[in-house]
Amino acid sequence: MKRAIIVLATVAALAAAPTPASAGGNGVAAGIIGGLAVGTLLGAAVAQPRYYGPPPVYVEEPAPIYHAAPPPRCFWARGEPVWDGYRGIWVRPRMKVCD
Protein backbone atom coordinates (compact mmCIF):
# COMPACT_ATOMS: atom_id res chain seq x y z
CA MET A 1 0.00 0.00 0.00
CA LYS A 2 2.83 2.39 0.84
CA ARG A 3 4.61 1.64 -2.41
CA ALA A 4 1.47 2.39 -4.42
CA ILE A 5 1.01 5.73 -2.68
CA ILE A 6 4.66 6.66 -3.25
CA VAL A 7 4.44 5.74 -6.96
CA LEU A 8 1.22 7.72 -7.42
CA ALA A 9 2.68 10.75 -5.67
CA THR A 10 5.84 10.59 -7.79
CA VAL A 11 3.83 10.33 -11.01
CA ALA A 12 1.65 13.25 -9.96
CA ALA A 13 4.71 15.34 -9.15
CA LEU A 14 6.32 14.56 -12.53
CA ALA A 15 3.09 15.29 -14.40
CA ALA A 16 2.84 18.68 -12.74
CA ALA A 17 6.42 19.63 -13.68
CA PRO A 18 6.55 22.71 -15.90
CA THR A 19 7.31 22.28 -19.59
CA PRO A 20 9.60 24.71 -21.44
CA ALA A 21 6.61 26.28 -23.19
CA SER A 22 4.77 27.08 -19.97
CA ALA A 23 7.73 27.93 -17.73
CA GLY A 24 7.27 31.36 -16.32
CA GLY A 25 7.98 33.35 -13.22
CA ASN A 26 4.41 33.45 -11.88
CA GLY A 27 4.21 29.82 -10.70
CA VAL A 28 6.78 30.03 -7.90
CA ALA A 29 4.26 30.19 -5.07
CA ALA A 30 2.19 27.39 -6.59
CA GLY A 31 5.34 25.26 -6.92
CA ILE A 32 6.29 25.81 -3.30
CA ILE A 33 2.81 25.00 -2.05
CA GLY A 34 2.59 21.93 -4.32
CA GLY A 35 6.00 20.73 -3.16
CA LEU A 36 5.01 21.08 0.46
CA ALA A 37 1.78 19.16 -0.19
CA VAL A 38 3.57 16.34 -2.01
CA GLY A 39 6.22 16.20 0.74
CA THR A 40 3.53 15.95 3.38
CA LEU A 41 1.79 13.13 1.52
CA LEU A 42 5.04 11.23 1.03
CA GLY A 43 6.06 11.73 4.65
CA ALA A 44 2.71 10.48 5.90
CA ALA A 45 2.87 7.45 3.60
CA VAL A 46 6.36 6.47 4.70
CA ALA A 47 5.89 7.21 8.41
CA GLN A 48 6.19 4.34 10.85
CA PRO A 49 2.94 2.80 12.07
CA ARG A 50 1.83 3.92 15.46
CA TYR A 51 1.22 1.51 18.31
CA TYR A 52 -2.11 1.60 20.02
CA GLY A 53 -2.54 -0.37 23.21
CA PRO A 54 -5.19 -3.02 23.59
CA PRO A 55 -8.71 -1.88 24.40
CA PRO A 56 -9.65 -1.81 28.08
CA VAL A 57 -11.12 -4.95 29.56
CA TYR A 58 -14.11 -4.47 31.79
CA VAL A 59 -14.49 -7.06 34.53
CA GLU A 60 -17.74 -7.38 36.38
CA GLU A 61 -17.18 -7.28 40.10
CA PRO A 62 -18.91 -9.91 42.23
CA ALA A 63 -21.87 -8.85 44.32
CA PRO A 64 -20.91 -7.80 47.85
CA ILE A 65 -21.58 -10.27 50.62
CA TYR A 66 -22.96 -8.76 53.79
CA HIS A 67 -22.28 -10.54 57.07
CA ALA A 68 -24.04 -9.84 60.33
CA ALA A 69 -21.69 -7.86 62.56
CA PRO A 70 -20.90 -9.47 65.90
CA PRO A 71 -22.30 -7.65 68.90
CA PRO A 72 -19.90 -5.12 70.42
CA ARG A 73 -17.88 -6.48 73.32
CA CYS A 74 -16.83 -3.09 74.66
CA PHE A 75 -18.52 0.30 74.97
CA TRP A 76 -17.69 3.77 76.23
CA ALA A 77 -19.36 5.15 79.38
CA ARG A 78 -19.05 8.25 81.56
CA GLY A 79 -16.90 7.73 84.66
CA GLU A 80 -17.08 9.19 88.16
CA PRO A 81 -16.56 12.97 88.44
CA VAL A 82 -12.92 14.00 88.98
CA TRP A 83 -11.57 17.43 89.88
CA ASP A 84 -9.34 18.88 87.17
CA GLY A 85 -6.98 21.24 88.96
CA TYR A 86 -5.52 22.66 85.76
CA ARG A 87 -8.85 23.84 84.37
CA GLY A 88 -10.52 24.27 87.74
CA ILE A 89 -13.63 22.21 86.92
CA TRP A 90 -15.15 18.83 87.58
CA VAL A 91 -14.91 16.46 84.64
CA ARG A 92 -16.41 13.05 83.97
CA PRO A 93 -13.83 11.10 81.96
CA ARG A 94 -14.85 8.57 79.35
CA MET A 95 -14.19 4.97 80.32
CA LYS A 96 -14.09 1.90 78.15
CA VAL A 97 -16.25 -0.87 79.62
CA CYS A 98 -15.73 -4.38 78.24
CA ASP A 99 -17.68 -7.58 78.96
C-alpha atoms as a PDB file:
ATOM      1  CA  MET A   1       0.000   0.000   0.000  1.00  0.00           C
ATOM      2  CA  LYS A   2       2.833   2.385   0.842  1.00  0.00           C
ATOM      3  CA  ARG A   3       4.610   1.636  -2.406  1.00  0.00           C
ATOM      4  CA  ALA A   4       1.467   2.392  -4.422  1.00  0.00           C
ATOM      5  CA  ILE A   5       1.010   5.735  -2.678  1.00  0.00           C
ATOM      6  CA  ILE A   6       4.659   6.658  -3.250  1.00  0.00           C
ATOM      7  CA  VAL A   7       4.440   5.735  -6.959  1.00  0.00           C
ATOM      8  CA  LEU A   8       1.220   7.719  -7.422  1.00  0.00           C
ATOM      9  CA  ALA A   9       2.680  10.755  -5.666  1.00  0.00           C
ATOM     10  CA  THR A  10       5.837  10.591  -7.789  1.00  0.00           C
ATOM     11  CA  VAL A  11       3.832  10.330 -11.014  1.00  0.00           C
ATOM     12  CA  ALA A  12       1.653  13.245  -9.959  1.00  0.00           C
ATOM     13  CA  ALA A  13       4.712  15.342  -9.155  1.00  0.00           C
ATOM     14  CA  LEU A  14       6.317  14.557 -12.534  1.00  0.00           C
ATOM     15  CA  ALA A  15       3.088  15.291 -14.400  1.00  0.00           C
ATOM     16  CA  ALA A  16       2.838  18.683 -12.742  1.00  0.00           C
ATOM     17  CA  ALA A  17       6.424  19.632 -13.682  1.00  0.00           C
ATOM     18  CA  PRO A  18       6.553  22.711 -15.899  1.00  0.00           C
ATOM     19  CA  THR A  19       7.311  22.277 -19.593  1.00  0.00           C
ATOM     20  CA  PRO A  20       9.596  24.714 -21.437  1.00  0.00           C
ATOM     21  CA  ALA A  21       6.608  26.278 -23.190  1.00  0.00           C
ATOM     22  CA  SER A  22       4.770  27.082 -19.966  1.00  0.00           C
ATOM     23  CA  ALA A  23       7.728  27.932 -17.734  1.00  0.00           C
ATOM     24  CA  GLY A  24       7.272  31.364 -16.324  1.00  0.00           C
ATOM     25  CA  GLY A  25       7.978  33.354 -13.218  1.00  0.00           C
ATOM     26  CA  ASN A  26       4.410  33.455 -11.882  1.00  0.00           C
ATOM     27  CA  GLY A  27       4.208  29.819 -10.703  1.00  0.00           C
ATOM     28  CA  VAL A  28       6.781  30.027  -7.895  1.00  0.00           C
ATOM     29  CA  ALA A  29       4.260  30.193  -5.065  1.00  0.00           C
ATOM     30  CA  ALA A  30       2.188  27.386  -6.587  1.00  0.00           C
ATOM     31  CA  GLY A  31       5.335  25.261  -6.917  1.00  0.00           C
ATOM     32  CA  ILE A  32       6.293  25.811  -3.301  1.00  0.00           C
ATOM     33  CA  ILE A  33       2.810  25.005  -2.054  1.00  0.00           C
ATOM     34  CA  GLY A  34       2.586  21.926  -4.319  1.00  0.00           C
ATOM     35  CA  GLY A  35       5.999  20.730  -3.163  1.00  0.00           C
ATOM     36  CA  LEU A  36       5.012  21.085   0.463  1.00  0.00           C
ATOM     37  CA  ALA A  37       1.777  19.165  -0.186  1.00  0.00           C
ATOM     38  CA  VAL A  38       3.569  16.344  -2.005  1.00  0.00           C
ATOM     39  CA  GLY A  39       6.220  16.203   0.741  1.00  0.00           C
ATOM     40  CA  THR A  40       3.528  15.953   3.376  1.00  0.00           C
ATOM     41  CA  LEU A  41       1.794  13.130   1.520  1.00  0.00           C
ATOM     42  CA  LEU A  42       5.036  11.228   1.034  1.00  0.00           C
ATOM     43  CA  GLY A  43       6.059  11.729   4.646  1.00  0.00           C
ATOM     44  CA  ALA A  44       2.711  10.481   5.903  1.00  0.00           C
ATOM     45  CA  ALA A  45       2.867   7.447   3.605  1.00  0.00           C
ATOM     46  CA  VAL A  46       6.360   6.469   4.702  1.00  0.00           C
ATOM     47  CA  ALA A  47       5.886   7.213   8.415  1.00  0.00           C
ATOM     48  CA  GLN A  48       6.192   4.345  10.849  1.00  0.00           C
ATOM     49  CA  PRO A  49       2.943   2.799  12.069  1.00  0.00           C
ATOM     50  CA  ARG A  50       1.830   3.921  15.457  1.00  0.00           C
ATOM     51  CA  TYR A  51       1.224   1.508  18.313  1.00  0.00           C
ATOM     52  CA  TYR A  52      -2.110   1.596  20.024  1.00  0.00           C
ATOM     53  CA  GLY A  53      -2.536  -0.372  23.211  1.00  0.00           C
ATOM     54  CA  PRO A  54      -5.188  -3.021  23.589  1.00  0.00           C
ATOM     55  CA  PRO A  55      -8.706  -1.877  24.400  1.00  0.00           C
ATOM     56  CA  PRO A  56      -9.648  -1.811  28.083  1.00  0.00           C
ATOM     57  CA  VAL A  57     -11.122  -4.951  29.557  1.00  0.00           C
ATOM     58  CA  TYR A  58     -14.112  -4.466  31.786  1.00  0.00           C
ATOM     59  CA  VAL A  59     -14.489  -7.058  34.527  1.00  0.00           C
ATOM     60  CA  GLU A  60     -17.742  -7.382  36.380  1.00  0.00           C
ATOM     61  CA  GLU A  61     -17.182  -7.275  40.101  1.00  0.00           C
ATOM     62  CA  PRO A  62     -18.911  -9.907  42.226  1.00  0.00           C
ATOM     63  CA  ALA A  63     -21.870  -8.846  44.316  1.00  0.00           C
ATOM     64  CA  PRO A  64     -20.914  -7.796  47.847  1.00  0.00           C
ATOM     65  CA  ILE A  65     -21.584 -10.271  50.624  1.00  0.00           C
ATOM     66  CA  TYR A  66     -22.961  -8.757  53.792  1.00  0.00           C
ATOM     67  CA  HIS A  67     -22.283 -10.536  57.068  1.00  0.00           C
ATOM     68  CA  ALA A  68     -24.042  -9.844  60.325  1.00  0.00           C
ATOM     69  CA  ALA A  69     -21.690  -7.862  62.558  1.00  0.00           C
ATOM     70  CA  PRO A  70     -20.897  -9.467  65.895  1.00  0.00           C
ATOM     71  CA  PRO A  71     -22.298  -7.652  68.904  1.00  0.00           C
ATOM     72  CA  PRO A  72     -19.903  -5.123  70.423  1.00  0.00           C
ATOM     73  CA  ARG A  73     -17.885  -6.485  73.320  1.00  0.00           C
ATOM     74  CA  CYS A  74     -16.827  -3.085  74.655  1.00  0.00           C
ATOM     75  CA  PHE A  75     -18.517   0.299  74.970  1.00  0.00           C
ATOM     76  CA  TRP A  76     -17.694   3.773  76.234  1.00  0.00           C
ATOM     77  CA  ALA A  77     -19.357   5.152  79.377  1.00  0.00           C
ATOM     78  CA  ARG A  78     -19.053   8.255  81.560  1.00  0.00           C
ATOM     79  CA  GLY A  79     -16.898   7.728  84.657  1.00  0.00           C
ATOM     80  CA  GLU A  80     -17.077   9.190  88.159  1.00  0.00           C
ATOM     81  CA  PRO A  81     -16.556  12.969  88.435  1.00  0.00           C
ATOM     82  CA  VAL A  82     -12.919  13.995  88.981  1.00  0.00           C
ATOM     83  CA  TRP A  83     -11.572  17.432  89.882  1.00  0.00           C
ATOM     84  CA  ASP A  84      -9.337  18.876  87.169  1.00  0.00           C
ATOM     85  CA  GLY A  85      -6.983  21.244  88.958  1.00  0.00           C
ATOM     86  CA  TYR A  86      -5.515  22.659  85.758  1.00  0.00           C
ATOM     87  CA  ARG A  87      -8.850  23.835  84.365  1.00  0.00           C
ATOM     88  CA  GLY A  88     -10.521  24.274  87.743  1.00  0.00           C
ATOM     89  CA  ILE A  89     -13.626  22.215  86.917  1.00  0.00           C
ATOM     90  CA  TRP A  90     -15.155  18.834  87.584  1.00  0.00           C
ATOM     91  CA  VAL A  91     -14.914  16.456  84.637  1.00  0.00           C
ATOM     92  CA  ARG A  92     -16.414  13.047  83.969  1.00  0.00           C
ATOM     93  CA  PRO A  93     -13.832  11.103  81.963  1.00  0.00           C
ATOM     94  CA  ARG A  94     -14.855   8.570  79.351  1.00  0.00           C
ATOM     95  CA  MET A  95     -14.192   4.973  80.321  1.00  0.00           C
ATOM     96  CA  LYS A  96     -14.086   1.895  78.150  1.00  0.00           C
ATOM     97  CA  VAL A  97     -16.251  -0.874  79.623  1.00  0.00           C
ATOM     98  CA  CYS A  98     -15.729  -4.383  78.245  1.00  0.00           C
ATOM     99  CA  ASP A  99     -17.678  -7.583  78.956  1.00  0.00           C
END
